[in-house]
PDB file of N, CA and C in Angstrom:
ATOM      1  N   MET A   1      93.893  36.064 -85.368  1.00  0.00           N
ATOM      2  CA  MET A   1      92.840  35.057 -85.350  1.00  0.00           C
ATOM      3  C   MET A   1      91.853  35.403 -84.253  1.00  0.00           C
ATOM      4  N   ASN A   2      90.618  35.320 -84.569  1.00  0.00           N
ATOM      5  CA  ASN A   2      89.594  35.678 -83.605  1.00  0.00           C
ATOM      6  C   ASN A   2      88.628  34.535 -83.395  1.00  0.00           C
ATOM      7  N   SER A   3      88.206  34.361 -82.165  1.00  0.00           N
ATOM      8  CA  SER A   3      87.200  33.353 -81.851  1.00  0.00           C
ATOM      9  C   SER A   3      86.505  33.775 -80.571  1.00  0.00           C
ATOM     10  N   THR A   4      85.216  33.528 -80.491  1.00  0.00           N
ATOM     11  CA  THR A   4      84.487  33.883 -79.280  1.00  0.00           C
ATOM     12  C   THR A   4      84.174  32.652 -78.450  1.00  0.00           C
ATOM     13  N   ASN A   5      84.775  31.533 -78.778  1.00  0.00           N
ATOM     14  CA  ASN A   5      84.540  30.296 -78.047  1.00  0.00           C
ATOM     15  C   ASN A   5      85.400  30.218 -76.793  1.00  0.00           C
ATOM     16  N   SER A   6      84.912  29.457 -75.824  1.00  0.00           N
ATOM     17  CA  SER A   6      85.708  29.150 -74.644  1.00  0.00           C
ATOM     18  C   SER A   6      86.313  27.766 -74.843  1.00  0.00           C
ATOM     19  N   TYR A   7      87.521  27.601 -74.353  1.00  0.00           N
ATOM     20  CA  TYR A   7      88.226  26.336 -74.516  1.00  0.00           C
ATOM     21  C   TYR A   7      88.778  25.868 -73.179  1.00  0.00           C
ATOM     22  N   PHE A   8      89.004  24.564 -73.081  1.00  0.00           N
ATOM     23  CA  PHE A   8      89.652  23.961 -71.925  1.00  0.00           C
ATOM     24  C   PHE A   8      91.073  24.505 -71.825  1.00  0.00           C
ATOM     25  N   SER A   9      91.730  24.582 -72.979  1.00  0.00           N
ATOM     26  CA  SER A   9      93.094  25.103 -73.024  1.00  0.00           C
ATOM     27  C   SER A   9      93.386  25.601 -74.435  1.00  0.00           C
ATOM     28  N   ILE A  10      94.237  26.619 -74.514  1.00  0.00           N
ATOM     29  CA  ILE A  10      94.738  27.108 -75.795  1.00  0.00           C
ATOM     30  C   ILE A  10      96.257  27.093 -75.695  1.00  0.00           C
ATOM     31  N   VAL A  11      96.884  26.492 -76.690  1.00  0.00           N
ATOM     32  CA  VAL A  11      98.342  26.374 -76.702  1.00  0.00           C
ATOM     33  C   VAL A  11      98.854  27.000 -77.990  1.00  0.00           C
ATOM     34  N   VAL A  12      99.884  27.828 -77.882  1.00  0.00           N
ATOM     35  CA  VAL A  12     100.566  28.349 -79.058  1.00  0.00           C
ATOM     36  C   VAL A  12     101.921  27.657 -79.096  1.00  0.00           C
ATOM     37  N   ALA A  13     102.220  27.028 -80.230  1.00  0.00           N
ATOM     38  CA  ALA A  13     103.452  26.246 -80.334  1.00  0.00           C
ATOM     39  C   ALA A  13     104.170  26.530 -81.642  1.00  0.00           C
ATOM     40  N   ASN A  14     105.479  26.424 -81.609  1.00  0.00           N
ATOM     41  CA  ASN A  14     106.244  26.465 -82.856  1.00  0.00           C
ATOM     42  C   ASN A  14     107.158  25.249 -82.955  1.00  0.00           C
ATOM     43  N   VAL A  15     106.996  24.313 -82.054  1.00  0.00           N
ATOM     44  CA  VAL A  15     107.705  23.044 -82.097  1.00  0.00           C
ATOM     45  C   VAL A  15     106.679  21.921 -81.933  1.00  0.00           C
ATOM     46  N   SER A  16     107.121  20.696 -82.097  1.00  0.00           N
ATOM     47  CA  SER A  16     106.170  19.588 -82.108  1.00  0.00           C
ATOM     48  C   SER A  16     105.802  19.050 -80.731  1.00  0.00           C
ATOM     49  N   GLN A  17     106.725  19.108 -79.770  1.00  0.00           N
ATOM     50  CA  GLN A  17     106.416  18.462 -78.493  1.00  0.00           C
ATOM     51  C   GLN A  17     106.584  19.376 -77.291  1.00  0.00           C
ATOM     52  N   LEU A  18     105.874  18.995 -76.233  1.00  0.00           N
ATOM     53  CA  LEU A  18     105.960  19.696 -74.956  1.00  0.00           C
ATOM     54  C   LEU A  18     107.200  19.267 -74.189  1.00  0.00           C
ATOM     55  N   GLY A  19     107.707  18.117 -74.512  1.00  0.00           N
ATOM     56  CA  GLY A  19     108.816  17.495 -73.791  1.00  0.00           C
ATOM     57  C   GLY A  19     108.374  16.126 -73.327  1.00  0.00           C
ATOM     58  N   ASN A  20     109.307  15.303 -72.929  1.00  0.00           N
ATOM     59  CA  ASN A  20     109.013  13.954 -72.430  1.00  0.00           C
ATOM     60  C   ASN A  20     108.177  13.140 -73.419  1.00  0.00           C
ATOM     61  N   ASP A  21     108.421  13.351 -74.719  1.00  0.00           N
ATOM     62  CA  ASP A  21     107.721  12.626 -75.786  1.00  0.00           C
ATOM     63  C   ASP A  21     106.221  12.878 -75.818  1.00  0.00           C
ATOM     64  N   ALA A  22     105.770  14.017 -75.334  1.00  0.00           N
ATOM     65  CA  ALA A  22     104.360  14.414 -75.423  1.00  0.00           C
ATOM     66  C   ALA A  22     104.230  15.372 -76.609  1.00  0.00           C
ATOM     67  N   TYR A  23     103.611  14.913 -77.685  1.00  0.00           N
ATOM     68  CA  TYR A  23     103.518  15.662 -78.932  1.00  0.00           C
ATOM     69  C   TYR A  23     102.195  16.409 -79.030  1.00  0.00           C
ATOM     70  N   ILE A  24     102.204  17.687 -78.667  1.00  0.00           N
ATOM     71  CA  ILE A  24     101.019  18.542 -78.734  1.00  0.00           C
ATOM     72  C   ILE A  24     100.776  19.007 -80.167  1.00  0.00           C
ATOM     73  N   ASN A  25     101.837  19.079 -80.961  1.00  0.00           N
ATOM     74  CA  ASN A  25     101.799  19.658 -82.302  1.00  0.00           C
ATOM     75  C   ASN A  25     102.663  18.811 -83.242  1.00  0.00           C
ATOM     76  N   PRO A  26     102.284  17.545 -83.465  1.00  0.00           N
ATOM     77  CA  PRO A  26     103.167  16.612 -84.160  1.00  0.00           C
ATOM     78  C   PRO A  26     103.593  17.028 -85.564  1.00  0.00           C
ATOM     79  N   THR A  27     102.824  17.866 -86.230  1.00  0.00           N
ATOM     80  CA  THR A  27     103.201  18.275 -87.584  1.00  0.00           C
ATOM     81  C   THR A  27     103.935  19.613 -87.599  1.00  0.00           C
ATOM     82  N   GLY A  28     104.130  20.218 -86.429  1.00  0.00           N
ATOM     83  CA  GLY A  28     104.794  21.513 -86.347  1.00  0.00           C
ATOM     84  C   GLY A  28     106.279  21.438 -86.655  1.00  0.00           C
ATOM     85  N   LEU A  29     106.773  22.476 -87.313  1.00  0.00           N
ATOM     86  CA  LEU A  29     108.193  22.587 -87.636  1.00  0.00           C
ATOM     87  C   LEU A  29     108.748  23.856 -87.003  1.00  0.00           C
ATOM     88  N   ASP A  30     109.933  23.766 -86.430  1.00  0.00           N
ATOM     89  CA  ASP A  30     110.488  24.920 -85.727  1.00  0.00           C
ATOM     90  C   ASP A  30     111.102  25.962 -86.660  1.00  0.00           C
ATOM     91  N   ASP A  31     111.224  25.658 -87.939  1.00  0.00           N
ATOM     92  CA  ASP A  31     111.877  26.593 -88.856  1.00  0.00           C
ATOM     93  C   ASP A  31     111.003  26.998 -90.050  1.00  0.00           C
ATOM     94  N   ASP A  32     109.685  26.851 -89.927  1.00  0.00           N
ATOM     95  CA  ASP A  32     108.798  27.181 -91.053  1.00  0.00           C
ATOM     96  C   ASP A  32     108.210  28.581 -90.976  1.00  0.00           C
ATOM     97  N   GLY A  33     108.539  29.345 -89.943  1.00  0.00           N
ATOM     98  CA  GLY A  33     108.030  30.703 -89.816  1.00  0.00           C
ATOM     99  C   GLY A  33     106.570  30.777 -89.404  1.00  0.00           C
ATOM    100  N   GLN A  34     106.010  29.676 -88.915  1.00  0.00           N
ATOM    101  CA  GLN A  34     104.604  29.623 -88.529  1.00  0.00           C
ATOM    102  C   GLN A  34     104.461  29.217 -87.069  1.00  0.00           C
ATOM    103  N   LEU A  35     103.453  29.782 -86.424  1.00  0.00           N
ATOM    104  CA  LEU A  35     103.018  29.329 -85.107  1.00  0.00           C
ATOM    105  C   LEU A  35     101.775  28.482 -85.314  1.00  0.00           C
ATOM    106  N   GLU A  36     101.533  27.545 -84.437  1.00  0.00           N
ATOM    107  CA  GLU A  36     100.283  26.805 -84.460  1.00  0.00           C
ATOM    108  C   GLU A  36      99.471  27.194 -83.226  1.00  0.00           C
ATOM    109  N   LEU A  37      98.205  27.519 -83.463  1.00  0.00           N
ATOM    110  CA  LEU A  37      97.250  27.802 -82.405  1.00  0.00           C
ATOM    111  C   LEU A  37      96.450  26.525 -82.204  1.00  0.00           C
ATOM    112  N   ILE A  38      96.635  25.896 -81.042  1.00  0.00           N
ATOM    113  CA  ILE A  38      95.997  24.616 -80.750  1.00  0.00           C
ATOM    114  C   ILE A  38      94.903  24.879 -79.724  1.00  0.00           C
ATOM    115  N   LYS A  39      93.657  24.718 -80.159  1.00  0.00           N
ATOM    116  CA  LYS A  39      92.503  24.989 -79.300  1.00  0.00           C
ATOM    117  C   LYS A  39      91.906  23.650 -78.876  1.00  0.00           C
ATOM    118  N   ILE A  40      91.775  23.484 -77.567  1.00  0.00           N
ATOM    119  CA  ILE A  40      91.323  22.212 -77.005  1.00  0.00           C
ATOM    120  C   ILE A  40      89.987  22.420 -76.302  1.00  0.00           C
ATOM    121  N   LYS A  41      88.950  21.740 -76.793  1.00  0.00           N
ATOM    122  CA  LYS A  41      87.632  21.787 -76.157  1.00  0.00           C
ATOM    123  C   LYS A  41      87.623  20.862 -74.950  1.00  0.00           C
ATOM    124  N   SER A  42      86.715  21.098 -74.036  1.00  0.00           N
ATOM    125  CA  SER A  42      86.639  20.297 -72.810  1.00  0.00           C
ATOM    126  C   SER A  42      86.081  18.903 -73.076  1.00  0.00           C
ATOM    127  N   PRO A  43      86.890  17.875 -72.808  1.00  0.00           N
ATOM    128  CA  PRO A  43      86.364  16.514 -72.885  1.00  0.00           C
ATOM    129  C   PRO A  43      85.643  16.169 -71.575  1.00  0.00           C
ATOM    130  N   THR A  44      84.847  15.132 -71.593  1.00  0.00           N
ATOM    131  CA  THR A  44      84.257  14.645 -70.343  1.00  0.00           C
ATOM    132  C   THR A  44      85.363  13.954 -69.551  1.00  0.00           C
ATOM    133  N   TRP A  45      85.092  13.684 -68.278  1.00  0.00           N
ATOM    134  CA  TRP A  45      86.092  12.975 -67.460  1.00  0.00           C
ATOM    135  C   TRP A  45      86.402  11.613 -68.063  1.00  0.00           C
ATOM    136  N   ALA A  46      85.407  10.954 -68.616  1.00  0.00           N
ATOM    137  CA  ALA A  46      85.616   9.630 -69.216  1.00  0.00           C
ATOM    138  C   ALA A  46      86.467   9.717 -70.482  1.00  0.00           C
ATOM    139  N   GLU A  47      86.356  10.829 -71.224  1.00  0.00           N
ATOM    140  CA  GLU A  47      87.099  10.987 -72.479  1.00  0.00           C
ATOM    141  C   GLU A  47      88.511  11.538 -72.269  1.00  0.00           C
ATOM    142  N   PHE A  48      88.738  12.178 -71.128  1.00  0.00           N
ATOM    143  CA  PHE A  48      90.018  12.842 -70.892  1.00  0.00           C
ATOM    144  C   PHE A  48      91.236  11.908 -71.011  1.00  0.00           C
ATOM    145  N   PRO A  49      91.219  10.700 -70.419  1.00  0.00           N
ATOM    146  CA  PRO A  49      92.395   9.824 -70.554  1.00  0.00           C
ATOM    147  C   PRO A  49      92.716   9.470 -72.006  1.00  0.00           C
ATOM    148  N   PHE A  50      91.680   9.315 -72.840  1.00  0.00           N
ATOM    149  CA  PHE A  50      91.908   8.988 -74.249  1.00  0.00           C
ATOM    150  C   PHE A  50      92.521  10.169 -74.989  1.00  0.00           C
ATOM    151  N   LEU A  51      92.050  11.376 -74.659  1.00  0.00           N
ATOM    152  CA  LEU A  51      92.632  12.570 -75.266  1.00  0.00           C
ATOM    153  C   LEU A  51      94.095  12.718 -74.842  1.00  0.00           C
ATOM    154  N   ALA A  52      94.353  12.578 -73.572  1.00  0.00           N
ATOM    155  CA  ALA A  52      95.725  12.710 -73.057  1.00  0.00           C
ATOM    156  C   ALA A  52      96.659  11.665 -73.666  1.00  0.00           C
ATOM    157  N   SER A  53      96.168  10.463 -73.860  1.00  0.00           N
ATOM    158  CA  SER A  53      97.022   9.403 -74.427  1.00  0.00           C
ATOM    159  C   SER A  53      97.448   9.728 -75.856  1.00  0.00           C
ATOM    160  N   ARG A  54      96.662  10.535 -76.555  1.00  0.00           N
ATOM    161  CA  ARG A  54      97.002  10.921 -77.927  1.00  0.00           C
ATOM    162  C   ARG A  54      98.286  11.763 -77.987  1.00  0.00           C
ATOM    163  N   LEU A  55      98.656  12.413 -76.876  1.00  0.00           N
ATOM    164  CA  LEU A  55      99.901  13.166 -76.838  1.00  0.00           C
ATOM    165  C   LEU A  55     101.107  12.265 -77.095  1.00  0.00           C
ATOM    166  N   PHE A  56     100.994  11.009 -76.700  1.00  0.00           N
ATOM    167  CA  PHE A  56     102.121  10.078 -76.779  1.00  0.00           C
ATOM    168  C   PHE A  56     102.065   9.168 -78.002  1.00  0.00           C
ATOM    169  N   THR A  57     101.018   9.307 -78.806  1.00  0.00           N
ATOM    170  CA  THR A  57     100.910   8.519 -80.037  1.00  0.00           C
ATOM    171  C   THR A  57     100.949   9.427 -81.271  1.00  0.00           C
ATOM    172  N   LYS A  58     101.262  10.696 -81.062  1.00  0.00           N
ATOM    173  CA  LYS A  58     101.359  11.705 -82.118  1.00  0.00           C
ATOM    174  C   LYS A  58     100.054  11.862 -82.900  1.00  0.00           C
ATOM    175  N   THR A  59      98.923  11.665 -82.218  1.00  0.00           N
ATOM    176  CA  THR A  59      97.620  11.810 -82.866  1.00  0.00           C
ATOM    177  C   THR A  59      96.743  12.851 -82.164  1.00  0.00           C
ATOM    178  N   PHE A  60      97.321  13.649 -81.296  1.00  0.00           N
ATOM    179  CA  PHE A  60      96.563  14.635 -80.524  1.00  0.00           C
ATOM    180  C   PHE A  60      95.769  15.561 -81.444  1.00  0.00           C
ATOM    181  N   HIS A  61      96.411  16.019 -82.504  1.00  0.00           N
ATOM    182  CA  HIS A  61      95.793  16.969 -83.434  1.00  0.00           C
ATOM    183  C   HIS A  61      94.622  16.367 -84.217  1.00  0.00           C
ATOM    184  N   GLN A  62      94.456  15.044 -84.177  1.00  0.00           N
ATOM    185  CA  GLN A  62      93.376  14.369 -84.897  1.00  0.00           C
ATOM    186  C   GLN A  62      92.128  14.161 -84.036  1.00  0.00           C
ATOM    187  N   SER A  63      92.188  14.537 -82.774  1.00  0.00           N
ATOM    188  CA  SER A  63      91.049  14.378 -81.878  1.00  0.00           C
ATOM    189  C   SER A  63      89.918  15.341 -82.240  1.00  0.00           C
ATOM    190  N   LYS A  64      88.685  14.925 -81.990  1.00  0.00           N
ATOM    191  CA  LYS A  64      87.525  15.799 -82.225  1.00  0.00           C
ATOM    192  C   LYS A  64      87.516  16.991 -81.271  1.00  0.00           C
ATOM    193  N   PHE A  65      88.320  16.941 -80.211  1.00  0.00           N
ATOM    194  CA  PHE A  65      88.393  18.021 -79.236  1.00  0.00           C
ATOM    195  C   PHE A  65      89.446  19.075 -79.595  1.00  0.00           C
ATOM    196  N   VAL A  66      90.236  18.815 -80.622  1.00  0.00           N
ATOM    197  CA  VAL A  66      91.387  19.655 -80.937  1.00  0.00           C
ATOM    198  C   VAL A  66      91.252  20.259 -82.336  1.00  0.00           C
ATOM    199  N   SER A  67      91.521  21.558 -82.431  1.00  0.00           N
ATOM    200  CA  SER A  67      91.639  22.191 -83.749  1.00  0.00           C
ATOM    201  C   SER A  67      92.961  22.934 -83.782  1.00  0.00           C
ATOM    202  N   VAL A  68      93.572  22.962 -84.960  1.00  0.00           N
ATOM    203  CA  VAL A  68      94.887  23.575 -85.128  1.00  0.00           C
ATOM    204  C   VAL A  68      94.831  24.546 -86.308  1.00  0.00           C
ATOM    205  N   GLU A  69      95.345  25.752 -86.084  1.00  0.00           N
ATOM    206  CA  GLU A  69      95.455  26.761 -87.132  1.00  0.00           C
ATOM    207  C   GLU A  69      96.890  27.267 -87.148  1.00  0.00           C
ATOM    208  N   SER A  70      97.392  27.623 -88.313  1.00  0.00           N
ATOM    209  CA  SER A  70      98.742  28.170 -88.441  1.00  0.00           C
ATOM    210  C   SER A  70      98.676  29.647 -88.793  1.00  0.00           C
ATOM    211  N   ALA A  71      99.629  30.414 -88.258  1.00  0.00           N
ATOM    212  CA  ALA A  71      99.713  31.847 -88.549  1.00  0.00           C
ATOM    213  C   ALA A  71     101.085  32.369 -88.161  1.00  0.00           C
ATOM    214  N   LYS A  72     101.439  33.521 -88.685  1.00  0.00           N
ATOM    215  CA  LYS A  72     102.691  34.175 -88.301  1.00  0.00           C
ATOM    216  C   LYS A  72     102.515  34.994 -87.035  1.00  0.00           C
ATOM    217  N   SER A  73     101.278  35.418 -86.771  1.00  0.00           N
ATOM    218  CA  SER A  73     100.970  36.229 -85.606  1.00  0.00           C
ATOM    219  C   SER A  73      99.601  35.816 -85.069  1.00  0.00           C
ATOM    220  N   ILE A  74      99.469  35.777 -83.746  1.00  0.00           N
ATOM    221  CA  ILE A  74      98.223  35.348 -83.109  1.00  0.00           C
ATOM    222  C   ILE A  74      97.889  36.327 -81.987  1.00  0.00           C
ATOM    223  N   ILE A  75      96.636  36.743 -81.928  1.00  0.00           N
ATOM    224  CA  ILE A  75      96.146  37.555 -80.816  1.00  0.00           C
ATOM    225  C   ILE A  75      95.062  36.746 -80.110  1.00  0.00           C
ATOM    226  N   ILE A  76      95.212  36.583 -78.817  1.00  0.00           N
ATOM    227  CA  ILE A  76      94.230  35.854 -78.016  1.00  0.00           C
ATOM    228  C   ILE A  76      93.596  36.835 -77.043  1.00  0.00           C
ATOM    229  N   GLU A  77      92.279  36.940 -77.103  1.00  0.00           N
ATOM    230  CA  GLU A  77      91.524  37.774 -76.167  1.00  0.00           C
ATOM    231  C   GLU A  77      91.125  36.900 -74.984  1.00  0.00           C
ATOM    232  N   ASN A  78      91.529  37.284 -73.810  1.00  0.00           N
ATOM    233  CA  ASN A  78      91.290  36.513 -72.587  1.00  0.00           C
ATOM    234  C   ASN A  78      90.055  37.055 -71.878  1.00  0.00           C
ATOM    235  N   LEU A  79      88.895  36.809 -72.458  1.00  0.00           N
ATOM    236  CA  LEU A  79      87.646  37.376 -71.959  1.00  0.00           C
ATOM    237  C   LEU A  79      87.243  36.853 -70.588  1.00  0.00           C
ATOM    238  N   ASP A  80      87.655  35.627 -70.252  1.00  0.00           N
ATOM    239  CA  ASP A  80      87.291  35.018 -68.969  1.00  0.00           C
ATOM    240  C   ASP A  80      88.324  35.253 -67.875  1.00  0.00           C
ATOM    241  N   GLY A  81      89.416  35.961 -68.197  1.00  0.00           N
ATOM    242  CA  GLY A  81      90.451  36.212 -67.196  1.00  0.00           C
ATOM    243  C   GLY A  81      91.197  34.949 -66.785  1.00  0.00           C
ATOM    244  N   ALA A  82      91.394  34.050 -67.732  1.00  0.00           N
ATOM    245  CA  ALA A  82      92.112  32.798 -67.445  1.00  0.00           C
ATOM    246  C   ALA A  82      93.579  33.092 -67.144  1.00  0.00           C
ATOM    247  N   HIS A  83      94.196  32.226 -66.376  1.00  0.00           N
ATOM    248  CA  HIS A  83      95.611  32.357 -66.039  1.00  0.00           C
ATOM    249  C   HIS A  83      96.463  31.931 -67.224  1.00  0.00           C
ATOM    250  N   LEU A  84      97.484  32.705 -67.497  1.00  0.00           N
ATOM    251  CA  LEU A  84      98.390  32.459 -68.605  1.00  0.00           C
ATOM    252  C   LEU A  84      99.664  31.807 -68.091  1.00  0.00           C
ATOM    253  N   GLN A  85     100.155  30.839 -68.852  1.00  0.00           N
ATOM    254  CA  GLN A  85     101.459  30.248 -68.578  1.00  0.00           C
ATOM    255  C   GLN A  85     102.317  30.389 -69.813  1.00  0.00           C
ATOM    256  N   ILE A  86     103.570  30.721 -69.612  1.00  0.00           N
ATOM    257  CA  ILE A  86     104.533  30.768 -70.702  1.00  0.00           C
ATOM    258  C   ILE A  86     105.621  29.760 -70.374  1.00  0.00           C
ATOM    259  N   ASP A  87     105.679  28.717 -71.172  1.00  0.00           N
ATOM    260  CA  ASP A  87     106.630  27.620 -70.969  1.00  0.00           C
ATOM    261  C   ASP A  87     106.541  27.067 -69.547  1.00  0.00           C
ATOM    262  N   GLY A  88     105.305  26.949 -69.043  1.00  0.00           N
ATOM    263  CA  GLY A  88     105.071  26.357 -67.735  1.00  0.00           C
ATOM    264  C   GLY A  88     105.162  27.315 -66.561  1.00  0.00           C
ATOM    265  N   GLU A  89     105.510  28.566 -66.814  1.00  0.00           N
ATOM    266  CA  GLU A  89     105.645  29.557 -65.743  1.00  0.00           C
ATOM    267  C   GLU A  89     104.425  30.476 -65.731  1.00  0.00           C
ATOM    268  N   ALA A  90     103.890  30.765 -64.550  1.00  0.00           N
ATOM    269  CA  ALA A  90     102.738  31.656 -64.414  1.00  0.00           C
ATOM    270  C   ALA A  90     103.085  33.042 -64.956  1.00  0.00           C
ATOM    271  N   ALA A  91     102.143  33.626 -65.730  1.00  0.00           N
ATOM    272  CA  ALA A  91     102.388  34.936 -66.332  1.00  0.00           C
ATOM    273  C   ALA A  91     101.183  35.863 -66.165  1.00  0.00           C
ATOM    274  N   GLY A  92     100.381  35.645 -65.129  1.00  0.00           N
ATOM    275  CA  GLY A  92      99.267  36.542 -64.835  1.00  0.00           C
ATOM    276  C   GLY A  92      98.006  36.258 -65.629  1.00  0.00           C
ATOM    277  N   THR A  93      97.140  37.280 -65.693  1.00  0.00           N
ATOM    278  CA  THR A  93      95.852  37.158 -66.384  1.00  0.00           C
ATOM    279  C   THR A  93      95.633  38.357 -67.306  1.00  0.00           C
ATOM    280  N   PRO A  94      96.456  38.498 -68.336  1.00  0.00           N
ATOM    281  CA  PRO A  94      96.287  39.637 -69.239  1.00  0.00           C
ATOM    282  C   PRO A  94      94.956  39.557 -69.990  1.00  0.00           C
ATOM    283  N   LYS A  95      94.430  40.737 -70.380  1.00  0.00           N
ATOM    284  CA  LYS A  95      93.172  40.773 -71.130  1.00  0.00           C
ATOM    285  C   LYS A  95      93.353  40.292 -72.560  1.00  0.00           C
ATOM    286  N   SER A  96      94.541  40.482 -73.103  1.00  0.00           N
ATOM    287  CA  SER A  96      94.851  39.943 -74.423  1.00  0.00           C
ATOM    288  C   SER A  96      96.353  39.740 -74.509  1.00  0.00           C
ATOM    289  N   ILE A  97      96.735  38.892 -75.448  1.00  0.00           N
ATOM    290  CA  ILE A  97      98.153  38.627 -75.665  1.00  0.00           C
ATOM    291  C   ILE A  97      98.379  38.463 -77.159  1.00  0.00           C
ATOM    292  N   GLU A  98      99.459  39.051 -77.640  1.00  0.00           N
ATOM    293  CA  GLU A  98      99.840  38.913 -79.041  1.00  0.00           C
ATOM    294  C   GLU A  98     101.157  38.149 -79.106  1.00  0.00           C
ATOM    295  N   ILE A  99     101.175  37.144 -79.941  1.00  0.00           N
ATOM    296  CA  ILE A  99     102.356  36.299 -80.099  1.00  0.00           C
ATOM    297  C   ILE A  99     102.693  36.276 -81.578  1.00  0.00           C
ATOM    298  N   SER A 100     103.969  36.500 -81.903  1.00  0.00           N
ATOM    299  CA  SER A 100     104.361  36.478 -83.313  1.00  0.00           C
ATOM    300  C   SER A 100     105.735  35.838 -83.465  1.00  0.00           C
ATOM    301  N   ILE A 101     105.996  35.420 -84.676  1.00  0.00           N
ATOM    302  CA  ILE A 101     107.266  34.788 -85.032  1.00  0.00           C
ATOM    303  C   ILE A 101     108.272  35.866 -85.418  1.00  0.00           C
ATOM    304  N   ASN A 102     109.485  35.728 -84.958  1.00  0.00           N
ATOM    305  CA  ASN A 102     110.588  36.567 -85.384  1.00  0.00           C
ATOM    306  C   ASN A 102     111.575  35.625 -86.072  1.00  0.00           C
ATOM    307  N   LEU A 103     111.325  35.362 -87.336  1.00  0.00           N
ATOM    308  CA  LEU A 103     112.040  34.344 -88.104  1.00  0.00           C
ATOM    309  C   LEU A 103     113.554  34.567 -88.122  1.00  0.00           C
ATOM    310  N   LYS A 104     114.279  33.487 -87.899  1.00  0.00           N
ATOM    311  CA  LYS A 104     115.750  33.455 -87.956  1.00  0.00           C
ATOM    312  C   LYS A 104     116.400  34.445 -87.000  1.00  0.00           C
ATOM    313  N   SER A 105     115.814  34.640 -85.814  1.00  0.00           N
ATOM    314  CA  SER A 105     116.356  35.594 -84.858  1.00  0.00           C
ATOM    315  C   SER A 105     117.226  34.958 -83.776  1.00  0.00           C
ATOM    316  N   LEU A 106     117.220  33.649 -83.699  1.00  0.00           N
ATOM    317  CA  LEU A 106     118.012  32.967 -82.685  1.00  0.00           C
ATOM    318  C   LEU A 106     119.348  32.527 -83.289  1.00  0.00           C
ATOM    319  N   ILE A 107     120.402  33.003 -82.688  1.00  0.00           N
ATOM    320  CA  ILE A 107     121.742  32.638 -83.165  1.00  0.00           C
ATOM    321  C   ILE A 107     122.308  31.630 -82.190  1.00  0.00           C
ATOM    322  N   THR A 108     122.759  30.519 -82.722  1.00  0.00           N
ATOM    323  CA  THR A 108     123.364  29.497 -81.871  1.00  0.00           C
ATOM    324  C   THR A 108     124.793  29.247 -82.304  1.00  0.00           C
ATOM    325  N   ILE A 109     125.602  28.886 -81.323  1.00  0.00           N
ATOM    326  CA  ILE A 109     127.004  28.534 -81.577  1.00  0.00           C
ATOM    327  C   ILE A 109     127.223  27.135 -81.041  1.00  0.00           C
ATOM    328  N   THR A 110     127.683  26.279 -81.889  1.00  0.00           N
ATOM    329  CA  THR A 110     127.979  24.898 -81.451  1.00  0.00           C
ATOM    330  C   THR A 110     129.458  24.631 -81.622  1.00  0.00           C
ATOM    331  N   PRO A 111     130.042  24.004 -80.618  1.00  0.00           N
ATOM    332  CA  PRO A 111     131.489  23.728 -80.697  1.00  0.00           C
ATOM    333  C   PRO A 111     131.814  22.654 -81.720  1.00  0.00           C
TER     334      PRO A 111
END
């Protein structure tokens, strides 16, 4: 996926929530073989609380500031040298990053 736009934040998700009942991707499924690319435009300071509140009402994806695309593989070009986080951990400022699904690769054992 390619875009030359700048965004407040870009999130790649394969699950519905960030945690603590904050739903960044309410329609996302963890077993559909798809990633969602969630692009967030910059709201004004006055609009920011309303956008943030949508995380907790499962309507974040319906905001005029948010667009969502699905794909099996995503390449993000980091033209502005923005800082990257992976699951909340700092991961530097790569020039580009490729993220893809490896379907059915996680094996779990439950007692």
